Protein backbone atom coordinates (compact mmCIF):
# COMPACT_ATOMS: atom_id res chain seq x y z
CA UNK A 1 101.40 9.40 -82.99
CA UNK A 2 99.11 7.46 -84.99
CA UNK A 3 95.96 6.14 -82.94
CA UNK A 4 93.82 3.01 -83.59
CA UNK A 5 91.70 2.80 -86.31
CA UNK A 6 87.95 2.76 -84.96
CA UNK A 7 85.88 0.28 -86.66
CA UNK A 8 82.73 1.68 -87.97
CA UNK A 9 79.03 0.19 -87.33
CA UNK A 10 78.44 -3.06 -88.96
CA UNK A 11 81.98 -4.04 -89.76
CA UNK A 12 83.77 -6.91 -87.61
CA UNK A 13 87.61 -7.57 -86.85
CA UNK A 14 88.39 -11.17 -85.93
CA UNK A 15 91.54 -9.34 -84.10
CA UNK A 16 88.76 -7.47 -81.76
CA UNK A 17 87.11 -10.93 -81.05
CA UNK A 18 90.68 -12.49 -80.12
CA UNK A 19 91.97 -9.39 -78.19
CA UNK A 20 88.33 -9.70 -75.94
CA UNK A 21 88.95 -13.81 -75.78
CA UNK A 22 92.37 -13.06 -74.65
CA UNK A 23 91.70 -10.34 -72.32
CA UNK A 24 88.76 -12.23 -70.53
CA UNK A 25 90.45 -15.77 -70.73
CA UNK A 26 89.78 -16.74 -67.31
CA UNK A 27 86.08 -16.26 -67.84
CA UNK A 28 86.00 -18.92 -70.38
CA UNK A 29 89.00 -21.25 -69.22
CA UNK A 30 87.83 -21.66 -65.50
CA UNK A 31 84.11 -22.71 -66.58
CA UNK A 32 85.60 -24.81 -69.13
CA UNK A 33 88.09 -26.82 -67.00
CA UNK A 34 85.65 -26.62 -63.90
CA UNK A 35 82.59 -28.33 -65.73
CA UNK A 36 84.91 -30.63 -67.41
CA UNK A 37 86.49 -31.85 -64.01
CA UNK A 38 82.82 -32.19 -62.41
CA UNK A 39 81.52 -34.21 -65.57
CA UNK A 40 84.83 -36.63 -64.68
CA UNK A 41 84.07 -36.73 -61.20
CA UNK A 42 80.56 -37.55 -61.53
CA UNK A 43 81.56 -40.23 -63.76
CA UNK A 44 83.75 -41.91 -61.34
CA UNK A 45 80.83 -41.72 -58.71
CA UNK A 46 78.39 -42.80 -60.93
CA UNK A 47 78.03 -46.80 -60.63
CA UNK A 48 78.83 -49.02 -63.60
CA UNK A 49 75.96 -50.19 -65.89
CA UNK A 50 75.89 -53.11 -68.42
CA UNK A 51 73.97 -53.71 -71.45
CA UNK A 52 73.09 -57.29 -72.64
CA UNK A 53 72.00 -57.61 -76.10
CA UNK A 54 69.51 -60.07 -77.75
CA UNK A 55 69.24 -60.75 -81.43
CA UNK A 56 66.30 -62.52 -83.14
CA UNK A 57 64.59 -62.50 -86.68
CA UNK A 58 61.35 -61.30 -86.79
CA UNK A 59 58.33 -63.25 -87.40
CA UNK A 60 57.99 -62.92 -91.17
CA UNK A 61 61.88 -63.66 -91.59
CA UNK A 62 61.27 -66.84 -89.71
CA UNK A 63 58.54 -67.94 -91.98
CA UNK A 64 55.24 -67.01 -90.83
CA UNK A 65 53.04 -63.84 -90.16
CA UNK A 66 49.77 -63.01 -88.95
CA UNK A 67 48.20 -62.64 -92.57
CA UNK A 68 49.53 -65.91 -94.04
CA UNK A 69 52.26 -68.48 -93.91
CA UNK A 70 55.51 -67.44 -95.83
CA UNK A 71 54.06 -64.47 -97.43
CA UNK A 72 55.64 -61.00 -97.22
CA UNK A 73 54.28 -58.37 -94.53
CA UNK A 74 53.26 -54.89 -94.94
CA UNK A 75 55.98 -52.19 -94.01
CA UNK A 76 55.41 -49.59 -91.90
CA UNK A 77 57.91 -46.64 -92.24
CA UNK A 78 60.43 -49.35 -93.32
CA UNK A 79 59.45 -51.75 -90.51
CA UNK A 80 57.85 -54.93 -91.32
CA UNK A 81 54.47 -55.05 -89.67
CA UNK A 82 54.89 -58.27 -88.14
CA UNK A 83 58.27 -56.98 -86.47
CA UNK A 84 55.87 -54.30 -85.23
CA UNK A 85 53.71 -56.91 -83.82
CA UNK A 86 56.29 -58.37 -82.29
CA UNK A 87 57.97 -55.49 -80.54
CA UNK A 88 54.64 -54.67 -79.16
CA UNK A 89 54.31 -57.88 -77.23
CA UNK A 90 57.92 -57.65 -76.14
CA UNK A 91 57.24 -54.22 -74.81
CA UNK A 92 53.85 -54.91 -73.29
CA UNK A 93 53.24 -53.85 -69.70
CA UNK A 94 52.42 -57.72 -68.85
CA UNK A 95 56.28 -58.68 -69.65
CA UNK A 96 57.44 -56.01 -67.79
CA UNK A 97 55.53 -56.53 -64.70
CA UNK A 98 56.60 -60.42 -64.85
CA UNK A 99 60.05 -59.36 -65.05
CA UNK A 100 59.86 -57.20 -62.09
CA UNK A 101 58.11 -59.83 -60.28
CA UNK A 102 60.81 -62.70 -60.85
CA UNK A 103 63.89 -60.50 -60.40
CA UNK A 104 62.37 -58.50 -57.50
CA UNK A 105 63.41 -55.10 -59.35
CA UNK A 106 60.91 -53.29 -57.12
CA UNK A 107 63.69 -53.81 -54.26
CA UNK A 108 66.54 -52.64 -56.89
CA UNK A 109 64.79 -49.61 -58.07
CA UNK A 110 63.82 -48.40 -54.50
CA UNK A 111 60.68 -46.72 -56.08
CA UNK A 112 57.36 -46.06 -53.66
CA UNK A 113 54.89 -47.05 -56.38
CA UNK A 114 54.42 -50.02 -58.91
CA UNK A 115 54.01 -47.22 -61.77
CA UNK A 116 57.56 -45.79 -60.92
CA UNK A 117 59.11 -49.13 -61.11
CA UNK A 118 57.48 -49.86 -64.32
CA UNK A 119 58.85 -46.38 -65.71
CA UNK A 120 62.48 -46.75 -64.47
CA UNK A 121 62.26 -50.13 -65.82
CA UNK A 122 61.50 -49.21 -69.15
CA UNK A 123 64.13 -46.83 -69.39
CA UNK A 124 66.63 -49.95 -68.68
CA UNK A 125 64.51 -52.15 -71.56
CA UNK A 126 65.11 -51.36 -74.90
CA UNK A 127 63.26 -53.38 -77.73
CA UNK A 128 63.73 -51.84 -81.60
CA UNK A 129 64.00 -53.05 -85.01
CA UNK A 130 67.62 -52.93 -86.66
CA UNK A 131 66.67 -51.86 -90.24
CA UNK A 132 70.28 -52.24 -91.28
CA UNK A 133 70.26 -55.83 -90.29
CA UNK A 134 66.67 -56.41 -90.49
CA UNK A 135 66.64 -58.10 -86.97
CA UNK A 136 65.01 -57.18 -83.50
CA UNK A 137 67.50 -56.61 -80.69
CA UNK A 138 66.47 -56.53 -77.24
CA UNK A 139 68.43 -54.64 -75.01
CA UNK A 140 68.52 -54.60 -70.94
CA UNK A 141 70.41 -52.26 -68.75
CA UNK A 142 71.52 -53.15 -65.30
CA UNK A 143 74.34 -52.61 -62.56
CA UNK A 144 74.62 -56.40 -62.65
CA UNK A 145 76.05 -57.96 -65.78
CA UNK A 146 74.45 -61.59 -65.32
CA UNK A 147 71.10 -59.80 -64.21
CA UNK A 148 71.28 -57.61 -67.61
CA UNK A 149 71.65 -60.85 -69.66
CA UNK A 150 68.95 -63.04 -67.70
CA UNK A 151 66.74 -59.91 -68.30
CA UNK A 152 66.81 -59.93 -71.94
CA UNK A 153 66.58 -63.78 -72.50
CA UNK A 154 63.53 -63.79 -70.09
CA UNK A 155 61.44 -61.02 -71.82
CA UNK A 156 62.11 -63.08 -74.96
CA UNK A 157 60.77 -66.19 -73.28
CA UNK A 158 57.81 -64.76 -71.77
CA UNK A 159 56.96 -63.04 -75.40
CA UNK A 160 56.92 -66.76 -76.75
CA UNK A 161 54.52 -67.68 -73.99
CA UNK A 162 51.94 -64.84 -74.50
CA UNK A 163 52.10 -65.48 -78.29
CA UNK A 164 51.47 -69.08 -77.58
CA UNK A 165 48.25 -67.75 -75.49
CA UNK A 166 47.30 -65.07 -78.11
CA UNK A 167 47.83 -66.93 -81.08
CA UNK A 168 49.26 -63.61 -82.82
CA UNK A 169 51.81 -65.44 -85.03
CA UNK A 170 50.71 -68.77 -85.83
CA UNK A 171 54.27 -70.56 -86.54
CA UNK A 172 56.29 -71.18 -83.54
CA UNK A 173 58.70 -69.90 -82.50
CA UNK A 174 57.57 -66.35 -82.63
CA UNK A 175 60.96 -65.30 -82.50
CA UNK A 176 64.18 -67.22 -84.04
CA UNK A 177 66.85 -66.20 -81.53
CA UNK A 178 70.21 -65.47 -83.50
CA UNK A 179 72.11 -64.30 -80.46
CA UNK A 180 71.12 -65.28 -76.84
CA UNK A 181 71.88 -62.34 -74.15
CA UNK A 182 75.15 -63.13 -72.56
CA UNK A 183 76.83 -61.30 -69.37
CA UNK A 184 78.77 -58.33 -71.17
CA UNK A 185 82.37 -57.82 -70.24
CA UNK A 186 82.87 -54.11 -70.71
CA UNK A 187 80.22 -51.54 -68.80
CA UNK A 188 77.84 -49.69 -70.97
CA UNK A 189 77.58 -46.37 -68.47
CA UNK A 190 79.18 -44.08 -67.60
CA UNK A 191 81.17 -43.20 -70.57
CA UNK A 192 83.74 -41.07 -68.65
CA UNK A 193 85.49 -40.05 -72.02
CA UNK A 194 82.10 -38.87 -73.48
CA UNK A 195 80.94 -37.01 -70.51
CA UNK A 196 84.26 -35.10 -69.85
CA UNK A 197 84.10 -33.75 -73.49
CA UNK A 198 80.21 -32.78 -73.02
CA UNK A 199 81.12 -30.89 -69.98
CA UNK A 200 84.26 -29.12 -71.40
CA UNK A 201 82.02 -28.08 -74.23
CA UNK A 202 79.10 -26.99 -72.18
CA UNK A 203 81.73 -25.18 -69.81
CA UNK A 204 83.35 -23.72 -72.96
CA UNK A 205 79.98 -22.15 -74.43
CA UNK A 206 78.99 -21.08 -70.83
CA UNK A 207 82.43 -19.60 -70.63
CA UNK A 208 81.64 -17.57 -73.73
CA UNK A 209 78.21 -16.18 -72.69
CA UNK A 210 80.28 -14.93 -69.49
CA UNK A 211 82.85 -13.26 -71.71
CA UNK A 212 80.85 -11.48 -73.69
CA UNK A 213 78.33 -10.52 -70.85
CA UNK A 214 81.64 -9.33 -68.95
CA UNK A 215 82.78 -7.30 -72.02
CA UNK A 216 79.60 -5.61 -72.45
CA UNK A 217 79.61 -4.54 -68.78
CA UNK A 218 83.31 -3.72 -68.75
CA UNK A 219 84.48 -0.29 -67.93
CA UNK A 220 88.17 -0.79 -67.89
CA UNK A 221 90.52 0.98 -70.31
CA UNK A 222 91.75 -1.31 -72.74
CA UNK A 223 92.92 0.66 -75.88
CA UNK A 224 94.53 4.39 -76.23
CA UNK A 225 91.59 5.40 -78.23
CA UNK A 226 88.83 4.94 -75.29
CA UNK A 227 91.30 7.35 -73.01
CA UNK A 228 91.29 10.23 -76.05
CA UNK A 229 87.66 9.79 -76.04
CA UNK A 230 87.28 10.14 -72.40
CA UNK A 231 89.93 13.34 -72.16
CA UNK A 232 89.74 14.47 -75.66
CA UNK A 233 92.60 17.38 -76.67
CA UNK A 234 94.86 16.15 -73.48
CA UNK A 235 98.16 15.28 -75.05
CA UNK A 236 99.50 11.80 -74.60
CA UNK A 237 102.93 12.61 -72.69
CA UNK A 238 104.20 8.73 -73.02
CA UNK A 239 103.40 5.23 -73.38
CA UNK A 240 104.78 2.72 -71.21
CA UNK A 241 105.12 -1.12 -72.43
CA UNK A 242 104.17 -4.03 -69.94
CA UNK A 243 107.43 -4.26 -67.81
CA UNK A 244 107.43 -7.54 -66.03
CA UNK A 245 109.88 -8.05 -62.99
CA UNK A 246 111.33 -4.79 -63.41
CA UNK A 247 112.09 -3.10 -59.87
CA UNK A 248 113.44 0.45 -60.05
CA UNK A 249 115.30 0.29 -56.81
CA UNK A 250 116.99 -2.96 -57.59
CA UNK A 251 117.68 -3.37 -61.18
CA UNK A 252 121.43 -3.13 -61.73
CA UNK A 253 123.22 -0.24 -63.35
CA UNK A 254 123.99 -2.21 -66.36
CA UNK A 255 120.46 -3.32 -67.06
CA UNK A 256 118.24 -0.08 -66.26
CA UNK A 257 116.62 1.48 -67.41
CA UNK A 258 114.83 -1.26 -69.41
CA UNK A 259 114.61 -0.57 -73.21
CA UNK A 260 110.80 0.12 -72.91
CA UNK A 261 110.96 2.85 -70.27
CA UNK A 262 113.25 5.29 -72.98
CA UNK A 263 110.37 7.18 -74.57
CA UNK A 264 108.88 7.68 -71.21
CA UNK A 265 112.22 8.76 -69.53
CA UNK A 266 113.64 11.10 -72.33
CA UNK A 267 110.46 13.02 -72.38
CA UNK A 268 111.62 14.43 -69.00
CA UNK A 269 114.90 15.61 -70.55
CA UNK A 270 113.39 17.13 -73.25
CA UNK A 271 110.96 19.41 -71.34
CA UNK A 272 113.87 20.48 -69.30
CA UNK A 273 114.02 21.05 -65.48
CA UNK A 274 110.73 21.79 -63.41
CA UNK A 275 108.17 20.01 -61.68
CA UNK A 276 106.24 16.68 -62.48
CA UNK A 277 103.28 15.81 -60.35
CA UNK A 278 102.15 11.97 -60.96
CA UNK A 279 98.45 10.96 -60.20
CA UNK A 280 95.93 8.82 -61.30
CA UNK A 281 92.05 8.06 -61.31
CA UNK A 282 92.09 6.15 -57.84
CA UNK A 283 95.15 3.99 -57.36
CA UNK A 284 97.17 0.99 -58.56
CA UNK A 285 98.04 2.78 -61.81
CA UNK A 286 101.55 2.37 -61.31
CA UNK A 287 102.23 6.02 -60.49
CA UNK A 288 105.13 5.18 -57.76
CA UNK A 289 106.71 2.95 -60.34
CA UNK A 290 106.82 5.53 -62.86
CA UNK A 291 108.02 8.34 -60.53
CA UNK A 292 110.65 5.91 -58.80
CA UNK A 293 111.92 5.18 -62.53
CA UNK A 294 111.96 8.75 -63.44
CA UNK A 295 113.85 9.64 -60.17
CA UNK A 296 116.84 7.08 -60.97
CA UNK A 297 117.11 7.73 -64.47
CA UNK A 298 117.59 11.70 -64.04
CA UNK A 299 119.52 11.80 -60.86
CA UNK A 300 122.51 10.24 -63.03
CA UNK A 301 122.75 13.85 -64.48
CA UNK A 302 120.26 15.98 -62.82
CA UNK A 303 119.60 17.06 -59.03
CA UNK A 304 116.48 15.54 -58.36
CA UNK A 305 113.62 15.40 -55.34
CA UNK A 306 111.23 12.88 -55.13
CA UNK A 307 108.13 14.05 -52.97
CA UNK A 308 105.90 11.18 -51.48
CA UNK A 309 102.49 13.23 -51.38
CA UNK A 310 100.39 10.28 -51.19
CA UNK A 311 100.11 9.32 -47.65
CA UNK A 312 97.08 6.66 -48.42
CA UNK A 313 99.63 3.96 -49.82
CA UNK A 314 103.02 2.62 -48.95
CA UNK A 315 104.62 4.15 -51.96
CA UNK A 316 107.73 5.96 -52.46
CA UNK A 317 108.37 6.42 -48.64
CA UNK A 318 108.28 2.65 -47.99
CA UNK A 319 110.35 1.65 -51.03
CA UNK A 320 113.31 3.75 -50.07
CA UNK A 321 113.65 2.64 -46.58
CA UNK A 322 112.27 6.08 -45.06
CA UNK A 323 109.27 4.84 -43.36
CA UNK A 324 110.39 5.82 -39.72
CA UNK A 325 111.73 9.31 -41.25
CA UNK A 326 109.69 12.90 -40.59
CA UNK A 327 108.44 14.27 -43.64
CA UNK A 328 105.56 16.42 -45.27
CA UNK A 329 103.12 15.77 -42.50
CA UNK A 330 105.48 16.73 -39.81
CA UNK A 331 106.22 20.48 -41.68
CA UNK A 332 104.59 22.41 -38.77
CA UNK A 333 107.26 21.26 -36.34
CA UNK A 334 110.27 21.41 -38.83
CA UNK A 335 112.43 24.34 -38.12
CA UNK A 336 113.10 24.11 -41.85
CA UNK A 337 112.19 22.18 -44.93
CA UNK A 338 115.58 21.20 -45.68
CA UNK A 339 116.05 19.10 -42.25
CA UNK A 340 112.90 16.91 -43.70
CA UNK A 341 114.54 15.48 -46.83
CA UNK A 342 116.47 12.34 -46.82
CA UNK A 343 118.96 10.46 -48.85
CA UNK A 344 118.05 6.91 -49.59
CA UNK A 345 120.98 4.85 -48.79
CA UNK A 346 122.27 3.59 -51.97
CA UNK A 347 120.63 6.40 -54.43
CA UNK A 348 121.43 9.54 -56.02
CA UNK A 349 117.98 11.64 -55.42
CA UNK A 350 116.61 12.88 -52.59
CA UNK A 351 113.25 12.24 -50.86
CA UNK A 352 111.03 14.05 -49.09
CA UNK A 353 108.98 11.35 -47.10
CA UNK A 354 104.96 11.45 -46.10
CA UNK A 355 106.36 11.76 -42.73
CA UNK A 356 105.09 10.18 -39.36
CA UNK A 357 101.97 12.51 -39.04
CA UNK A 358 98.23 11.69 -39.71
CA UNK A 359 97.45 14.65 -42.33
CA UNK A 360 99.50 16.73 -45.02
CA UNK A 361 99.23 20.17 -45.19
CA UNK A 362 98.89 20.45 -49.01
CA UNK A 363 98.57 24.26 -48.94
CA UNK A 364 101.86 24.65 -47.38
CA UNK A 365 103.16 22.05 -49.48
CA UNK A 366 102.03 24.01 -52.43
CA UNK A 367 103.71 27.14 -51.42
CA UNK A 368 106.84 25.39 -50.63
CA UNK A 369 107.10 23.69 -54.20
CA UNK A 370 108.67 26.86 -55.32
CA UNK A 371 111.35 26.53 -52.83
CA UNK A 372 112.15 23.15 -54.07
CA UNK A 373 112.02 23.76 -57.74
CA UNK A 374 114.78 26.29 -57.22
CA UNK A 375 117.11 23.72 -54.95
CA UNK A 376 116.38 20.79 -57.44
CA UNK A 377 116.61 20.72 -61.32
CA UNK A 378 113.57 18.13 -61.18
CA UNK A 379 111.13 17.45 -58.42
CA UNK A 380 108.91 14.57 -58.91
CA UNK A 381 105.67 14.70 -56.77
CA UNK A 382 103.33 11.58 -56.31
CA UNK A 383 99.83 12.70 -55.34
CA UNK A 384 96.89 10.67 -54.22
CA UNK A 385 94.27 9.54 -56.68
CA UNK A 386 92.35 12.10 -58.14
CA UNK A 387 88.96 10.61 -57.18
CA UNK A 388 90.06 9.57 -53.59
CA UNK A 389 88.26 11.09 -50.71
CA UNK A 390 90.10 14.50 -49.77
CA UNK A 391 92.39 14.87 -53.09
CA UNK A 392 94.35 18.29 -52.74
CA UNK A 393 92.92 20.42 -55.58
CA UNK A 394 95.20 23.07 -54.80
CA UNK A 395 97.89 21.12 -55.98
CA UNK A 396 96.57 21.10 -59.69
CA UNK A 397 97.54 25.04 -59.46
CA UNK A 398 100.93 24.31 -59.06
CA UNK A 399 103.34 25.69 -62.16
CA UNK A 400 104.14 21.98 -63.51
CA UNK A 401 102.61 19.40 -65.48
CA UNK A 402 100.27 17.10 -63.97
CA UNK A 403 100.73 13.20 -65.38
CA UNK A 404 97.59 11.38 -65.12
CA UNK A 405 98.83 7.87 -65.12
CA UNK A 406 96.14 5.37 -66.74
CA UNK A 407 96.66 1.71 -66.56
CA UNK A 408 95.50 -0.66 -68.87
CA UNK A 409 92.42 -3.01 -67.65
CA UNK A 410 92.69 -0.90 -64.45
CA UNK A 411 91.90 2.32 -64.84
CA UNK A 412 88.09 2.80 -65.32
CA UNK A 413 86.76 4.96 -68.47
CA UNK A 414 83.81 6.45 -66.02
CA UNK A 415 86.53 7.32 -63.61
CA UNK A 416 88.25 9.02 -66.82
CA UNK A 417 85.24 10.70 -67.68
CA UNK A 418 84.46 12.06 -64.34
CA UNK A 419 87.95 13.31 -63.97
CA UNK A 420 87.34 15.53 -67.27
CA UNK A 421 84.30 16.81 -66.00
CA UNK A 422 85.15 17.61 -62.27
CA UNK A 423 89.03 18.84 -63.14
CA UNK A 424 88.13 20.10 -66.59
CA UNK A 425 89.57 23.77 -65.77
CA UNK A 426 93.03 22.27 -65.37
CA UNK A 427 93.43 20.43 -68.29
CA UNK A 428 95.96 22.54 -69.77
CA UNK A 429 98.13 21.20 -66.90
CA UNK A 430 97.17 17.45 -67.56
CA UNK A 431 99.16 14.87 -69.60
CA UNK A 432 98.24 11.25 -70.34
CA UNK A 433 100.56 8.52 -69.49
CA UNK A 434 99.28 5.09 -70.78
CA UNK A 435 101.19 2.59 -68.43
CA UNK A 436 101.32 -1.15 -68.94
CA UNK A 437 100.49 -1.04 -72.40
CA UNK A 438 100.91 -4.21 -74.57
CA UNK A 439 102.32 -3.42 -77.79
CA UNK A 440 101.36 -6.92 -79.10
CA UNK A 441 97.63 -6.21 -78.60
CA UNK A 442 97.39 -2.72 -79.13
CA UNK A 443 99.11 -0.08 -81.36
CA UNK A 444 99.31 3.37 -81.41
């Protein structure tokens, strides 16, 4: 049986990255969708803003400048100096204060000081030189499209008055308006599509950070190599692929067993009659499922007894409809073990239920197993998890195979390692069953 190839230091395999990406898909998918949805909701909750734009020729293009009539102006970083001077006037504090007072913007911005009103208004008023077109643009943003256009036109008019007083530019008007600001029909903000896309991107990268953080801290079993490292020299009894929707008690005879179970089930017939105990690290590894599948398969040709020695879960006893029957926990009151064994309706295997008592006498059960193995060709025993409180260590001394069921993405490597340390003296009895094994991702 060929194990997965170990990747050496300094090497990377895109398939391994893809496995991690798929394994933790919820860790990146949910943050992506959540932040995208939040960005979309915030976009709908944010009031619409409108941007009005006025376009004007700079003073030097209009034919006059500070340094002479009709002469070329100096360039500063690609912007004519006369354009920079005009922009300085347009962005002056005096003009901003005039606009704030004229349009009563202090009540609109709801700020508690004049300086805060000016700062907020400065964010909504943009004056710049468009080098591609060679023009000055004045952009005003407001929730009212009419007000946005009025502010842009007002700023230019006030700049002309200031220039008249200061005589910065001798030729009038200072700016030759190409396009006056008009109330815009379309909103400027919020841009719902852009905001949603940004939310999705931020959520995705946040999800990636969570994925790699989760992966670095993940202690779950995800490949066969990890199991073998935790329990070296332990034979892999069988691997069971992912079997969705399979119910060993209700699947029709024509459909049972599913093809994926054949390698696992045929192992029992190869090893011959005897006792097989199913356990796992803690629980939810699929012990009950595999015990029932093996019982149904073997009972077609052999005398089979299923023993529910796992009173901590609603396992074999409940699934076979024997919850009210006496069983293992009632051995002290029974005249014989035979009277505790039941035959579930519709099935050809026998069951020794967990019983109605509170505790199981595992010492007595260990003594009784010799009797059961002489009466039945196969005895399948479901035990609690090996790391659950009160695990019956005496059951590891039974003359049979102990099948340690390890389920991918459930069993933890630290638990498997702990089992190897605590129960190292019984390694010769342990066999590994790799359950819920996805052959499309992993390969043995």
